[in-house]
Amino acid sequence: MADKTKVKVYPADGSLGQLRDSCQADEDAFQARLTGLERVEAEDETKGTQTTYTRVPFSEVYVTKQLFFVDNSSPTPQPPGTDVVFEDADVYLNGEEAQVAVYREQ
């Protein structure tokens, strides 16, 4: 990734698990951290969840850190040993608007 950020849009019909797995795989592929998560709609009314990844500087070693996604309609406590990435991110899950909390392994 020549640029410091990478933006990707995931389909609106994905599940919570698919969104989590895709974000985790892309963090590792881009050697970057998830820094943006929001609902988007294109001019043709196509909907999706847009993510932004920010590359870990070359001066730092990239280490995989597990992401944990929680659907806020069924909140669960923050997993132990994690930091908050997003408390209330607006996304699409299963074709519907939703809010999720995202945590990262410390």
N, C-alpha and C. Protein backbone atom coordinates (compact mmCIF):
# COMPACT_ATOMS: atom_id res chain seq x y z
N MET A 1 0.86 -1.16 0.00
CA MET A 1 0.00 0.00 0.00
C MET A 1 0.91 1.22 0.00
N ALA A 2 1.05 1.88 -1.14
CA ALA A 2 1.91 3.05 -1.25
C ALA A 2 1.36 4.21 -0.43
N ASP A 3 0.05 4.37 -0.44
CA ASP A 3 -0.60 5.42 0.32
C ASP A 3 -0.66 5.00 1.79
N LYS A 4 -0.88 5.96 2.68
CA LYS A 4 -0.96 5.64 4.10
C LYS A 4 -2.33 5.12 4.50
N THR A 5 -3.34 5.34 3.64
CA THR A 5 -4.68 4.84 3.95
C THR A 5 -5.22 4.04 2.78
N LYS A 6 -6.14 3.15 3.10
CA LYS A 6 -6.82 2.31 2.10
C LYS A 6 -8.30 2.32 2.47
N VAL A 7 -9.17 2.58 1.50
CA VAL A 7 -10.61 2.58 1.73
C VAL A 7 -11.21 1.41 0.96
N LYS A 8 -12.12 0.71 1.61
CA LYS A 8 -12.77 -0.44 1.00
C LYS A 8 -14.23 -0.44 1.42
N VAL A 9 -15.11 -0.89 0.52
CA VAL A 9 -16.53 -0.96 0.83
C VAL A 9 -16.97 -2.42 0.78
N TYR A 10 -17.61 -2.86 1.85
CA TYR A 10 -18.13 -4.22 1.94
C TYR A 10 -19.63 -4.20 1.66
N PRO A 11 -20.18 -5.26 1.07
CA PRO A 11 -21.61 -5.30 0.74
C PRO A 11 -22.49 -5.17 1.98
N ALA A 12 -23.65 -4.56 1.78
CA ALA A 12 -24.60 -4.33 2.88
C ALA A 12 -25.21 -5.63 3.40
N ASP A 13 -25.19 -6.68 2.59
CA ASP A 13 -25.87 -7.92 3.00
C ASP A 13 -25.00 -8.86 3.82
N GLY A 14 -23.81 -8.43 4.20
CA GLY A 14 -22.92 -9.28 4.99
C GLY A 14 -23.37 -9.39 6.44
N SER A 15 -22.96 -10.47 7.07
CA SER A 15 -23.28 -10.69 8.48
C SER A 15 -22.21 -10.04 9.36
N LEU A 16 -22.45 -10.02 10.65
CA LEU A 16 -21.49 -9.48 11.60
C LEU A 16 -20.17 -10.26 11.50
N GLY A 17 -20.27 -11.57 11.42
CA GLY A 17 -19.07 -12.42 11.31
C GLY A 17 -18.31 -12.17 10.02
N GLN A 18 -19.03 -11.98 8.93
CA GLN A 18 -18.37 -11.70 7.66
C GLN A 18 -17.66 -10.35 7.68
N LEU A 19 -18.29 -9.36 8.28
CA LEU A 19 -17.67 -8.04 8.39
C LEU A 19 -16.41 -8.14 9.25
N ARG A 20 -16.51 -8.80 10.38
CA ARG A 20 -15.35 -8.96 11.27
C ARG A 20 -14.21 -9.68 10.56
N ASP A 21 -14.53 -10.81 9.91
CA ASP A 21 -13.49 -11.60 9.24
C ASP A 21 -12.85 -10.83 8.10
N SER A 22 -13.66 -10.08 7.34
CA SER A 22 -13.13 -9.28 6.23
C SER A 22 -12.21 -8.18 6.74
N CYS A 23 -12.63 -7.49 7.79
CA CYS A 23 -11.81 -6.42 8.35
C CYS A 23 -10.50 -6.98 8.90
N GLN A 24 -10.56 -8.12 9.57
CA GLN A 24 -9.36 -8.73 10.12
C GLN A 24 -8.40 -9.13 8.99
N ALA A 25 -8.94 -9.76 7.95
CA ALA A 25 -8.10 -10.20 6.83
C ALA A 25 -7.47 -8.99 6.12
N ASP A 26 -8.25 -7.92 5.97
CA ASP A 26 -7.71 -6.74 5.29
C ASP A 26 -6.67 -6.02 6.14
N GLU A 27 -6.87 -5.97 7.45
CA GLU A 27 -5.83 -5.38 8.30
C GLU A 27 -4.51 -6.12 8.07
N ASP A 28 -4.56 -7.43 8.07
CA ASP A 28 -3.35 -8.22 7.88
C ASP A 28 -2.77 -8.05 6.48
N ALA A 29 -3.64 -8.06 5.47
CA ALA A 29 -3.17 -7.92 4.09
C ALA A 29 -2.53 -6.55 3.84
N PHE A 30 -3.14 -5.50 4.39
CA PHE A 30 -2.63 -4.14 4.18
C PHE A 30 -1.57 -3.75 5.22
N GLN A 31 -1.37 -4.58 6.24
CA GLN A 31 -0.53 -4.25 7.39
C GLN A 31 -0.91 -2.86 7.89
N ALA A 32 -2.21 -2.76 8.20
CA ALA A 32 -2.80 -1.48 8.59
C ALA A 32 -3.84 -1.71 9.69
N ARG A 33 -4.25 -0.64 10.33
CA ARG A 33 -5.27 -0.71 11.37
C ARG A 33 -6.57 -0.10 10.87
N LEU A 34 -7.68 -0.70 11.26
CA LEU A 34 -9.00 -0.18 10.95
C LEU A 34 -9.18 1.13 11.70
N THR A 35 -9.40 2.23 10.95
CA THR A 35 -9.54 3.54 11.57
C THR A 35 -10.84 4.24 11.19
N GLY A 36 -11.60 3.67 10.27
CA GLY A 36 -12.88 4.25 9.88
C GLY A 36 -13.88 3.17 9.55
N LEU A 37 -15.14 3.38 9.95
CA LEU A 37 -16.19 2.39 9.72
C LEU A 37 -17.51 3.15 9.65
N GLU A 38 -18.17 3.13 8.47
CA GLU A 38 -19.41 3.89 8.33
C GLU A 38 -20.28 3.33 7.21
N ARG A 39 -21.59 3.63 7.32
CA ARG A 39 -22.54 3.27 6.26
C ARG A 39 -22.38 4.23 5.10
N VAL A 40 -22.49 3.71 3.87
CA VAL A 40 -22.45 4.56 2.69
C VAL A 40 -23.51 4.10 1.70
N GLU A 41 -23.90 5.04 0.83
CA GLU A 41 -24.84 4.73 -0.23
C GLU A 41 -24.37 5.45 -1.49
N ALA A 42 -24.20 4.71 -2.58
CA ALA A 42 -23.75 5.28 -3.85
C ALA A 42 -24.92 5.96 -4.56
N GLU A 43 -24.61 6.71 -5.60
CA GLU A 43 -25.64 7.42 -6.36
C GLU A 43 -26.66 6.46 -6.96
N ASP A 44 -26.25 5.23 -7.27
CA ASP A 44 -27.18 4.24 -7.82
C ASP A 44 -27.95 3.51 -6.72
N GLU A 45 -27.87 4.03 -5.50
CA GLU A 45 -28.56 3.50 -4.32
C GLU A 45 -27.98 2.19 -3.80
N THR A 46 -26.81 1.78 -4.28
CA THR A 46 -26.12 0.62 -3.73
C THR A 46 -25.61 1.00 -2.35
N LYS A 47 -25.87 0.15 -1.38
CA LYS A 47 -25.47 0.42 -0.01
C LYS A 47 -24.31 -0.47 0.40
N GLY A 48 -23.54 -0.01 1.37
CA GLY A 48 -22.43 -0.80 1.86
C GLY A 48 -21.85 -0.22 3.13
N THR A 49 -20.89 -0.93 3.68
CA THR A 49 -20.15 -0.47 4.85
C THR A 49 -18.75 -0.12 4.40
N GLN A 50 -18.40 1.15 4.55
CA GLN A 50 -17.08 1.62 4.11
C GLN A 50 -16.11 1.56 5.28
N THR A 51 -14.93 1.04 4.99
CA THR A 51 -13.87 0.96 6.00
C THR A 51 -12.67 1.76 5.53
N THR A 52 -11.94 2.29 6.48
CA THR A 52 -10.68 2.97 6.20
C THR A 52 -9.62 2.30 7.05
N TYR A 53 -8.51 1.99 6.41
CA TYR A 53 -7.37 1.38 7.09
C TYR A 53 -6.19 2.34 6.99
N THR A 54 -5.46 2.50 8.10
CA THR A 54 -4.28 3.35 8.12
C THR A 54 -3.06 2.48 8.35
N ARG A 55 -2.12 2.57 7.43
CA ARG A 55 -0.94 1.72 7.46
C ARG A 55 -0.12 1.95 8.72
N VAL A 56 0.38 0.85 9.29
CA VAL A 56 1.31 0.92 10.40
C VAL A 56 2.63 1.43 9.82
N PRO A 57 3.24 2.44 10.44
CA PRO A 57 4.49 2.99 9.88
C PRO A 57 5.56 1.93 9.71
N PHE A 58 6.40 2.11 8.69
CA PHE A 58 7.48 1.16 8.43
C PHE A 58 8.43 1.05 9.60
N SER A 59 8.51 2.09 10.43
CA SER A 59 9.41 2.07 11.59
C SER A 59 8.90 1.16 12.70
N GLU A 60 7.63 0.71 12.60
CA GLU A 60 7.04 -0.19 13.59
C GLU A 60 6.81 -1.56 12.96
N VAL A 61 6.92 -2.58 13.76
CA VAL A 61 6.64 -3.93 13.28
C VAL A 61 5.14 -4.16 13.35
N TYR A 62 4.55 -4.61 12.24
CA TYR A 62 3.11 -4.92 12.24
C TYR A 62 2.90 -6.23 12.98
N VAL A 63 2.00 -6.21 13.94
CA VAL A 63 1.63 -7.41 14.70
C VAL A 63 0.12 -7.58 14.57
N THR A 64 -0.32 -8.78 14.20
CA THR A 64 -1.76 -9.06 14.11
C THR A 64 -2.39 -8.92 15.48
N LYS A 65 -3.46 -8.16 15.55
CA LYS A 65 -4.23 -8.01 16.78
C LYS A 65 -5.67 -8.35 16.45
N GLN A 66 -6.25 -9.25 17.20
CA GLN A 66 -7.61 -9.74 16.94
C GLN A 66 -8.64 -8.63 17.10
N LEU A 67 -9.58 -8.55 16.15
CA LEU A 67 -10.70 -7.62 16.24
C LEU A 67 -11.92 -8.35 16.77
N PHE A 68 -12.70 -7.67 17.60
CA PHE A 68 -13.94 -8.21 18.15
C PHE A 68 -15.06 -7.24 17.78
N PHE A 69 -16.10 -7.74 17.10
CA PHE A 69 -17.25 -6.92 16.71
C PHE A 69 -18.46 -7.35 17.53
N VAL A 70 -19.22 -6.37 18.03
CA VAL A 70 -20.42 -6.64 18.82
C VAL A 70 -21.57 -5.84 18.24
N ASP A 71 -22.67 -6.52 17.92
CA ASP A 71 -23.88 -5.84 17.44
C ASP A 71 -24.50 -5.13 18.64
N ASN A 72 -24.65 -3.81 18.57
CA ASN A 72 -25.17 -3.05 19.70
C ASN A 72 -26.64 -3.29 19.99
N SER A 73 -27.36 -4.00 19.08
CA SER A 73 -28.75 -4.34 19.38
C SER A 73 -28.80 -5.46 20.42
N SER A 74 -27.71 -6.18 20.60
CA SER A 74 -27.57 -7.22 21.63
C SER A 74 -26.24 -7.01 22.32
N PRO A 75 -26.11 -5.90 23.05
CA PRO A 75 -24.80 -5.56 23.61
C PRO A 75 -24.27 -6.61 24.58
N THR A 76 -22.97 -6.77 24.54
CA THR A 76 -22.26 -7.62 25.48
C THR A 76 -21.12 -6.80 26.05
N PRO A 77 -20.61 -7.19 27.20
CA PRO A 77 -19.51 -6.41 27.80
C PRO A 77 -18.27 -6.42 26.91
N GLN A 78 -17.46 -5.39 27.07
CA GLN A 78 -16.19 -5.32 26.34
C GLN A 78 -15.34 -6.52 26.72
N PRO A 79 -14.81 -7.24 25.73
CA PRO A 79 -13.96 -8.39 26.05
C PRO A 79 -12.74 -7.95 26.85
N PRO A 80 -12.34 -8.73 27.83
CA PRO A 80 -11.16 -8.37 28.62
C PRO A 80 -9.91 -8.35 27.74
N GLY A 81 -8.98 -7.47 28.08
CA GLY A 81 -7.73 -7.39 27.33
C GLY A 81 -7.87 -6.74 25.97
N THR A 82 -8.89 -5.86 25.82
CA THR A 82 -9.10 -5.18 24.55
C THR A 82 -9.18 -3.67 24.74
N ASP A 83 -8.96 -2.96 23.66
CA ASP A 83 -9.15 -1.51 23.62
C ASP A 83 -10.33 -1.21 22.70
N VAL A 84 -11.05 -0.13 22.98
CA VAL A 84 -12.18 0.28 22.15
C VAL A 84 -11.64 0.92 20.86
N VAL A 85 -12.14 0.46 19.72
CA VAL A 85 -11.83 1.07 18.43
C VAL A 85 -13.00 1.98 18.05
N PHE A 86 -14.23 1.45 18.13
CA PHE A 86 -15.46 2.21 17.87
C PHE A 86 -16.50 1.78 18.90
N GLU A 87 -17.22 2.73 19.48
CA GLU A 87 -18.29 2.38 20.41
C GLU A 87 -19.62 2.21 19.69
N ASP A 88 -19.90 3.07 18.72
CA ASP A 88 -21.17 3.05 18.00
C ASP A 88 -20.95 3.36 16.53
N ALA A 89 -20.43 2.42 15.78
CA ALA A 89 -20.20 2.62 14.35
C ALA A 89 -21.46 2.23 13.58
N ASP A 90 -21.86 3.09 12.65
CA ASP A 90 -23.02 2.82 11.80
C ASP A 90 -22.60 1.97 10.62
N VAL A 91 -23.20 0.79 10.48
CA VAL A 91 -22.86 -0.16 9.43
C VAL A 91 -24.13 -0.77 8.86
N TYR A 92 -23.96 -1.61 7.85
CA TYR A 92 -25.05 -2.46 7.36
C TYR A 92 -24.73 -3.90 7.73
N LEU A 93 -25.72 -4.59 8.28
CA LEU A 93 -25.62 -6.02 8.57
C LEU A 93 -26.85 -6.70 8.00
N ASN A 94 -26.66 -7.72 7.21
CA ASN A 94 -27.77 -8.47 6.63
C ASN A 94 -28.75 -7.56 5.89
N GLY A 95 -28.21 -6.53 5.23
CA GLY A 95 -29.03 -5.62 4.43
C GLY A 95 -29.76 -4.55 5.22
N GLU A 96 -29.57 -4.52 6.53
CA GLU A 96 -30.27 -3.56 7.39
C GLU A 96 -29.27 -2.64 8.09
N GLU A 97 -29.72 -1.42 8.43
CA GLU A 97 -28.88 -0.52 9.21
C GLU A 97 -28.65 -1.09 10.59
N ALA A 98 -27.44 -0.95 11.09
CA ALA A 98 -27.09 -1.47 12.41
C ALA A 98 -25.98 -0.61 13.00
N GLN A 99 -25.75 -0.79 14.29
CA GLN A 99 -24.63 -0.16 14.98
C GLN A 99 -23.82 -1.25 15.65
N VAL A 100 -22.50 -1.10 15.57
CA VAL A 100 -21.61 -2.08 16.18
C VAL A 100 -20.57 -1.39 17.03
N ALA A 101 -20.09 -2.14 18.01
CA ALA A 101 -18.90 -1.73 18.77
C ALA A 101 -17.77 -2.62 18.27
N VAL A 102 -16.59 -2.05 18.19
CA VAL A 102 -15.42 -2.79 17.73
C VAL A 102 -14.32 -2.63 18.76
N TYR A 103 -13.71 -3.76 19.11
CA TYR A 103 -12.62 -3.78 20.08
C TYR A 103 -11.40 -4.45 19.45
N ARG A 104 -10.22 -4.08 19.92
CA ARG A 104 -8.98 -4.68 19.43
C ARG A 104 -8.18 -5.24 20.59
N GLU A 105 -7.64 -6.41 20.37
CA GLU A 105 -6.75 -7.04 21.34
C GLU A 105 -5.62 -6.09 21.69
N GLN A 106 -5.27 -6.02 22.99
CA GLN A 106 -4.18 -5.12 23.43
C GLN A 106 -2.84 -5.69 23.03
